[in-house]
């Protein structure tokens, strides 16, 4: 289902979930723009939109990444406010669950085919 709106996909190119998302969008013929966290740091606006799309602020953390483990975020993230989570993620983008997919219709965090379809 090709659309005229450009979808932004934020993440890192070596992430398996990002690769899966990009491959899925390509298979649908969806025009998209990839933004590498390491070259184009995520903005507060992007993370605020992402925060609104998850059930709890802690869901924005990439719990399988080295930054998460090394920073002992498993216990630190419990009870953090949305604002505190956004600040932590702005300080270290490798903590962010990937990808963040944004379109004029909304924002999705992680690969979820049904949720992604709603953005198209």
N, C-alpha and C. Protein backbone atom coordinates (compact mmCIF):
# COMPACT_ATOMS: atom_id res chain seq x y z
N UNK A 1 0.85 -1.18 0.00
CA UNK A 1 0.00 0.00 0.00
C UNK A 1 0.89 1.23 0.00
N UNK A 2 1.14 1.79 -1.14
CA UNK A 2 2.00 2.96 -1.26
C UNK A 2 1.22 4.20 -0.88
N UNK A 3 1.89 5.11 -0.19
CA UNK A 3 1.25 6.37 0.18
C UNK A 3 2.07 7.54 -0.30
N UNK A 4 1.46 8.71 -0.26
CA UNK A 4 2.17 9.89 -0.70
C UNK A 4 2.90 10.57 0.45
N UNK A 5 2.52 10.28 1.69
CA UNK A 5 3.18 10.87 2.84
C UNK A 5 4.46 10.10 3.12
N UNK A 6 5.47 10.84 3.47
CA UNK A 6 6.73 10.18 3.79
C UNK A 6 6.71 9.70 5.23
N UNK A 7 7.08 8.46 5.40
CA UNK A 7 7.19 7.85 6.72
C UNK A 7 8.64 8.02 7.16
N UNK A 8 8.83 8.44 8.41
CA UNK A 8 10.18 8.53 8.99
C UNK A 8 10.41 7.28 9.83
N UNK A 9 11.55 6.66 9.62
CA UNK A 9 11.95 5.51 10.41
C UNK A 9 13.25 5.89 11.12
N UNK A 10 13.21 5.93 12.44
CA UNK A 10 14.36 6.31 13.25
C UNK A 10 14.93 5.07 13.92
N UNK A 11 16.24 4.94 13.89
CA UNK A 11 16.90 3.81 14.54
C UNK A 11 18.36 3.76 14.19
N UNK A 12 18.92 2.56 14.21
CA UNK A 12 20.30 2.36 13.75
C UNK A 12 20.26 1.24 12.71
N UNK A 13 21.08 1.36 11.67
CA UNK A 13 20.98 0.42 10.55
C UNK A 13 21.37 -1.01 10.88
N UNK A 14 22.08 -1.25 11.96
CA UNK A 14 22.50 -2.61 12.31
C UNK A 14 21.47 -3.35 13.16
N UNK A 15 20.43 -2.66 13.59
CA UNK A 15 19.39 -3.26 14.45
C UNK A 15 18.49 -4.18 13.61
N UNK A 16 18.32 -5.41 14.08
CA UNK A 16 17.50 -6.38 13.37
C UNK A 16 16.05 -5.94 13.20
N UNK A 17 15.49 -5.31 14.21
CA UNK A 17 14.11 -4.87 14.13
C UNK A 17 13.96 -3.71 13.15
N UNK A 18 14.96 -2.85 13.10
CA UNK A 18 14.95 -1.76 12.11
C UNK A 18 15.03 -2.34 10.71
N UNK A 19 15.92 -3.30 10.51
CA UNK A 19 16.04 -3.95 9.19
C UNK A 19 14.71 -4.57 8.77
N UNK A 20 14.06 -5.25 9.71
CA UNK A 20 12.78 -5.90 9.42
C UNK A 20 11.73 -4.85 9.02
N UNK A 21 11.70 -3.74 9.73
CA UNK A 21 10.74 -2.68 9.43
C UNK A 21 11.00 -2.09 8.05
N UNK A 22 12.27 -1.79 7.74
CA UNK A 22 12.61 -1.21 6.44
C UNK A 22 12.25 -2.17 5.30
N UNK A 23 12.54 -3.44 5.51
CA UNK A 23 12.22 -4.46 4.49
C UNK A 23 10.70 -4.53 4.28
N UNK A 24 9.95 -4.47 5.36
CA UNK A 24 8.49 -4.53 5.28
C UNK A 24 7.95 -3.32 4.50
N UNK A 25 8.43 -2.13 4.84
CA UNK A 25 7.98 -0.92 4.14
C UNK A 25 8.33 -0.99 2.65
N UNK A 26 9.54 -1.46 2.35
CA UNK A 26 9.96 -1.60 0.95
C UNK A 26 9.06 -2.59 0.21
N UNK A 27 8.70 -3.69 0.86
CA UNK A 27 7.85 -4.69 0.20
C UNK A 27 6.47 -4.14 -0.11
N UNK A 28 6.04 -3.14 0.66
CA UNK A 28 4.74 -2.50 0.41
C UNK A 28 4.85 -1.32 -0.54
N UNK A 29 6.07 -0.96 -0.91
CA UNK A 29 6.27 0.19 -1.79
C UNK A 29 6.05 1.53 -1.10
N UNK A 30 6.22 1.54 0.22
CA UNK A 30 5.99 2.75 1.00
C UNK A 30 7.22 3.67 0.94
N UNK A 31 6.98 4.91 0.59
CA UNK A 31 8.05 5.91 0.58
C UNK A 31 8.41 6.20 2.04
N UNK A 32 9.69 6.09 2.35
CA UNK A 32 10.12 6.35 3.73
C UNK A 32 11.51 6.98 3.74
N UNK A 33 11.80 7.59 4.86
CA UNK A 33 13.11 8.21 5.07
C UNK A 33 13.70 7.63 6.34
N UNK A 34 14.91 7.08 6.22
CA UNK A 34 15.58 6.50 7.39
C UNK A 34 16.48 7.54 8.05
N UNK A 35 16.41 7.61 9.36
CA UNK A 35 17.24 8.53 10.14
C UNK A 35 17.99 7.72 11.19
N UNK A 36 19.31 7.72 11.06
CA UNK A 36 20.19 7.00 11.97
C UNK A 36 20.39 7.82 13.24
N UNK A 37 20.02 7.25 14.40
CA UNK A 37 20.18 7.93 15.69
C UNK A 37 21.59 8.46 15.89
N UNK A 38 22.57 7.73 15.37
CA UNK A 38 23.96 8.13 15.61
C UNK A 38 24.38 9.33 14.79
N UNK A 39 23.71 9.56 13.66
CA UNK A 39 24.05 10.70 12.81
C UNK A 39 23.06 11.85 12.95
N UNK A 40 21.81 11.52 13.22
CA UNK A 40 20.75 12.51 13.42
C UNK A 40 20.08 12.20 14.75
N UNK A 41 20.56 12.79 15.83
CA UNK A 41 19.98 12.48 17.14
C UNK A 41 18.47 12.75 17.16
N UNK A 42 17.73 11.92 17.85
CA UNK A 42 16.28 12.14 17.94
C UNK A 42 15.99 13.44 18.67
N UNK A 43 14.87 14.04 18.33
CA UNK A 43 14.48 15.31 18.94
C UNK A 43 13.53 15.06 20.11
N UNK A 44 13.40 16.06 20.93
CA UNK A 44 12.45 16.00 22.04
C UNK A 44 11.04 15.78 21.49
N UNK A 45 10.72 16.44 20.38
CA UNK A 45 9.41 16.31 19.75
C UNK A 45 9.15 14.86 19.34
N UNK A 46 10.12 14.22 18.70
CA UNK A 46 9.97 12.83 18.28
C UNK A 46 9.72 11.94 19.50
N UNK A 47 10.52 12.11 20.54
CA UNK A 47 10.39 11.26 21.73
C UNK A 47 9.09 11.53 22.48
N UNK A 48 8.62 12.76 22.45
CA UNK A 48 7.34 13.08 23.08
C UNK A 48 6.19 12.39 22.35
N UNK A 49 6.24 12.40 21.02
CA UNK A 49 5.24 11.67 20.24
C UNK A 49 5.33 10.17 20.51
N UNK A 50 6.54 9.66 20.58
CA UNK A 50 6.74 8.23 20.87
C UNK A 50 6.18 7.88 22.24
N UNK A 51 6.40 8.75 23.21
CA UNK A 51 5.91 8.53 24.57
C UNK A 51 4.39 8.39 24.58
N UNK A 52 3.72 9.20 23.77
CA UNK A 52 2.25 9.15 23.71
C UNK A 52 1.74 7.84 23.09
N UNK A 53 2.61 7.16 22.35
CA UNK A 53 2.17 5.96 21.64
C UNK A 53 2.38 4.66 22.42
N UNK A 54 3.00 4.74 23.59
CA UNK A 54 3.26 3.54 24.39
C UNK A 54 2.40 3.54 25.65
N UNK A 55 2.23 2.37 26.22
CA UNK A 55 1.36 2.23 27.40
C UNK A 55 2.01 2.71 28.69
N UNK A 56 3.35 2.76 28.72
CA UNK A 56 4.07 3.22 29.90
C UNK A 56 5.41 3.80 29.46
N UNK A 57 5.89 4.84 30.13
CA UNK A 57 7.17 5.46 29.73
C UNK A 57 8.31 4.47 29.59
N UNK A 58 8.36 3.46 30.46
CA UNK A 58 9.45 2.49 30.44
C UNK A 58 9.49 1.72 29.11
N UNK A 59 8.37 1.67 28.39
CA UNK A 59 8.30 0.95 27.11
C UNK A 59 9.15 1.60 26.02
N UNK A 60 9.65 2.81 26.26
CA UNK A 60 10.52 3.46 25.28
C UNK A 60 11.97 3.00 25.37
N UNK A 61 12.29 2.23 26.40
CA UNK A 61 13.67 1.76 26.58
C UNK A 61 13.94 0.50 25.76
N UNK A 62 15.12 0.46 25.15
CA UNK A 62 15.63 -0.74 24.47
C UNK A 62 16.24 -1.62 25.55
N UNK A 63 15.44 -2.53 26.07
CA UNK A 63 15.87 -3.33 27.22
C UNK A 63 16.92 -4.38 26.87
N UNK A 64 17.16 -4.61 25.58
CA UNK A 64 18.16 -5.62 25.21
C UNK A 64 19.52 -5.00 24.86
N UNK A 65 19.63 -3.68 24.95
CA UNK A 65 20.87 -3.02 24.58
C UNK A 65 21.89 -2.92 25.70
N UNK A 66 23.14 -2.73 25.30
CA UNK A 66 24.24 -2.61 26.27
C UNK A 66 24.07 -1.38 27.16
N UNK A 67 23.63 -0.26 26.58
CA UNK A 67 23.45 0.97 27.38
C UNK A 67 22.46 0.73 28.51
N UNK A 68 21.41 -0.02 28.22
CA UNK A 68 20.38 -0.31 29.22
C UNK A 68 20.97 -1.16 30.35
N UNK A 69 21.67 -2.22 29.97
CA UNK A 69 22.25 -3.11 30.98
C UNK A 69 23.34 -2.41 31.78
N UNK A 70 24.24 -1.73 31.08
CA UNK A 70 25.37 -1.09 31.76
C UNK A 70 24.92 0.04 32.68
N UNK A 71 23.84 0.71 32.31
CA UNK A 71 23.33 1.81 33.14
C UNK A 71 22.37 1.35 34.22
N UNK A 72 22.16 0.02 34.27
CA UNK A 72 21.24 -0.56 35.26
C UNK A 72 19.87 0.12 35.23
N UNK A 73 19.38 0.34 34.01
CA UNK A 73 18.10 1.01 33.84
C UNK A 73 16.92 0.15 34.23
N UNK A 74 17.11 -1.15 34.32
CA UNK A 74 16.01 -2.05 34.69
C UNK A 74 15.32 -1.62 35.97
N UNK A 75 16.10 -1.23 36.96
CA UNK A 75 15.50 -0.78 38.21
C UNK A 75 15.33 0.73 38.22
N UNK A 76 16.21 1.45 37.55
CA UNK A 76 16.13 2.91 37.54
C UNK A 76 14.91 3.43 36.80
N UNK A 77 14.50 2.73 35.73
CA UNK A 77 13.39 3.21 34.90
C UNK A 77 12.03 3.03 35.56
N UNK A 78 11.95 2.13 36.51
CA UNK A 78 10.67 1.93 37.21
C UNK A 78 10.27 3.22 37.92
N UNK A 79 9.07 3.66 37.64
CA UNK A 79 8.55 4.84 38.32
C UNK A 79 9.01 6.17 37.74
N UNK A 80 9.82 6.15 36.68
CA UNK A 80 10.23 7.41 36.07
C UNK A 80 9.04 8.06 35.36
N UNK A 81 8.99 9.37 35.39
CA UNK A 81 7.95 10.09 34.66
C UNK A 81 8.30 10.10 33.18
N UNK A 82 7.33 10.45 32.36
CA UNK A 82 7.58 10.57 30.93
C UNK A 82 8.68 11.57 30.64
N UNK A 83 8.67 12.69 31.33
CA UNK A 83 9.68 13.73 31.14
C UNK A 83 11.06 13.20 31.49
N UNK A 84 11.18 12.45 32.58
CA UNK A 84 12.47 11.89 32.97
C UNK A 84 12.98 10.88 31.95
N UNK A 85 12.07 10.08 31.41
CA UNK A 85 12.45 9.10 30.39
C UNK A 85 12.94 9.82 29.14
N UNK A 86 12.21 10.82 28.69
CA UNK A 86 12.63 11.57 27.49
C UNK A 86 14.01 12.17 27.70
N UNK A 87 14.25 12.74 28.86
CA UNK A 87 15.58 13.34 29.15
C UNK A 87 16.68 12.28 29.09
N UNK A 88 16.42 11.11 29.67
CA UNK A 88 17.42 10.03 29.65
C UNK A 88 17.70 9.57 28.23
N UNK A 89 16.65 9.47 27.41
CA UNK A 89 16.82 9.01 26.03
C UNK A 89 17.51 10.06 25.16
N UNK A 90 17.25 11.32 25.42
CA UNK A 90 17.96 12.38 24.69
C UNK A 90 19.45 12.34 25.02
N UNK A 91 19.77 12.01 26.26
CA UNK A 91 21.18 11.96 26.69
C UNK A 91 21.90 10.75 26.09
N UNK A 92 21.19 9.64 25.85
CA UNK A 92 21.81 8.43 25.30
C UNK A 92 20.82 7.75 24.35
N UNK A 93 20.84 8.12 23.06
CA UNK A 93 19.90 7.55 22.09
C UNK A 93 19.98 6.02 21.96
N UNK A 94 21.08 5.41 22.38
CA UNK A 94 21.16 3.95 22.30
C UNK A 94 20.21 3.27 23.29
N UNK A 95 19.64 4.04 24.20
CA UNK A 95 18.66 3.51 25.15
C UNK A 95 17.27 3.38 24.53
N UNK A 96 17.06 3.96 23.36
CA UNK A 96 15.73 4.04 22.76
C UNK A 96 15.36 2.73 22.07
N UNK A 97 14.14 2.28 22.36
CA UNK A 97 13.60 1.11 21.66
C UNK A 97 13.44 1.48 20.19
N UNK A 98 13.85 0.55 19.33
CA UNK A 98 13.86 0.83 17.90
C UNK A 98 12.96 -0.12 17.14
N UNK A 99 12.52 0.35 16.00
CA UNK A 99 12.58 1.72 15.49
C UNK A 99 11.44 2.56 16.04
N UNK A 100 11.57 3.86 15.84
CA UNK A 100 10.44 4.76 16.02
C UNK A 100 10.00 5.11 14.60
N UNK A 101 8.73 4.87 14.31
CA UNK A 101 8.19 5.12 12.99
C UNK A 101 7.15 6.23 13.12
N UNK A 102 7.33 7.29 12.33
CA UNK A 102 6.42 8.43 12.44
C UNK A 102 5.88 8.80 11.08
N UNK A 103 4.59 9.06 11.04
CA UNK A 103 3.93 9.54 9.83
C UNK A 103 2.94 10.63 10.26
N UNK A 104 2.33 11.30 9.31
CA UNK A 104 1.31 12.29 9.68
C UNK A 104 0.14 11.67 10.46
N UNK A 105 -0.02 10.34 10.37
CA UNK A 105 -1.12 9.66 11.06
C UNK A 105 -0.77 9.21 12.47
N UNK A 106 0.50 9.33 12.89
CA UNK A 106 0.86 8.92 14.23
C UNK A 106 2.27 8.38 14.34
N UNK A 107 2.56 7.78 15.49
CA UNK A 107 3.89 7.27 15.81
C UNK A 107 3.76 5.87 16.39
N UNK A 108 4.67 4.98 15.99
CA UNK A 108 4.73 3.62 16.51
C UNK A 108 6.16 3.36 16.98
N UNK A 109 6.28 2.67 18.11
CA UNK A 109 7.59 2.29 18.63
C UNK A 109 7.73 0.78 18.50
N UNK A 110 8.82 0.34 17.86
CA UNK A 110 9.05 -1.07 17.63
C UNK A 110 8.30 -1.54 16.40
N UNK A 111 8.59 -2.77 15.97
CA UNK A 111 7.91 -3.32 14.80
C UNK A 111 6.62 -4.00 15.24
N UNK A 112 5.52 -3.47 14.77
CA UNK A 112 4.20 -4.04 15.01
C UNK A 112 3.44 -3.84 13.71
N UNK A 113 3.27 -4.92 12.96
CA UNK A 113 2.71 -4.83 11.61
C UNK A 113 1.33 -4.18 11.60
N UNK A 114 0.45 -4.55 12.53
CA UNK A 114 -0.89 -3.97 12.56
C UNK A 114 -0.87 -2.48 12.87
N UNK A 115 -0.03 -2.09 13.85
CA UNK A 115 0.07 -0.68 14.20
C UNK A 115 0.71 0.11 13.08
N UNK A 116 1.70 -0.49 12.42
CA UNK A 116 2.36 0.16 11.29
C UNK A 116 1.38 0.39 10.15
N UNK A 117 0.53 -0.58 9.90
CA UNK A 117 -0.45 -0.46 8.82
C UNK A 117 -1.36 0.76 9.02
N UNK A 118 -1.66 1.09 10.27
CA UNK A 118 -2.51 2.24 10.57
C UNK A 118 -1.83 3.56 10.25
N UNK A 119 -0.50 3.56 10.17
CA UNK A 119 0.25 4.79 9.84
C UNK A 119 0.27 5.07 8.34
N UNK A 120 -0.02 4.05 7.55
CA UNK A 120 0.09 4.17 6.09
C UNK A 120 -1.13 4.80 5.46
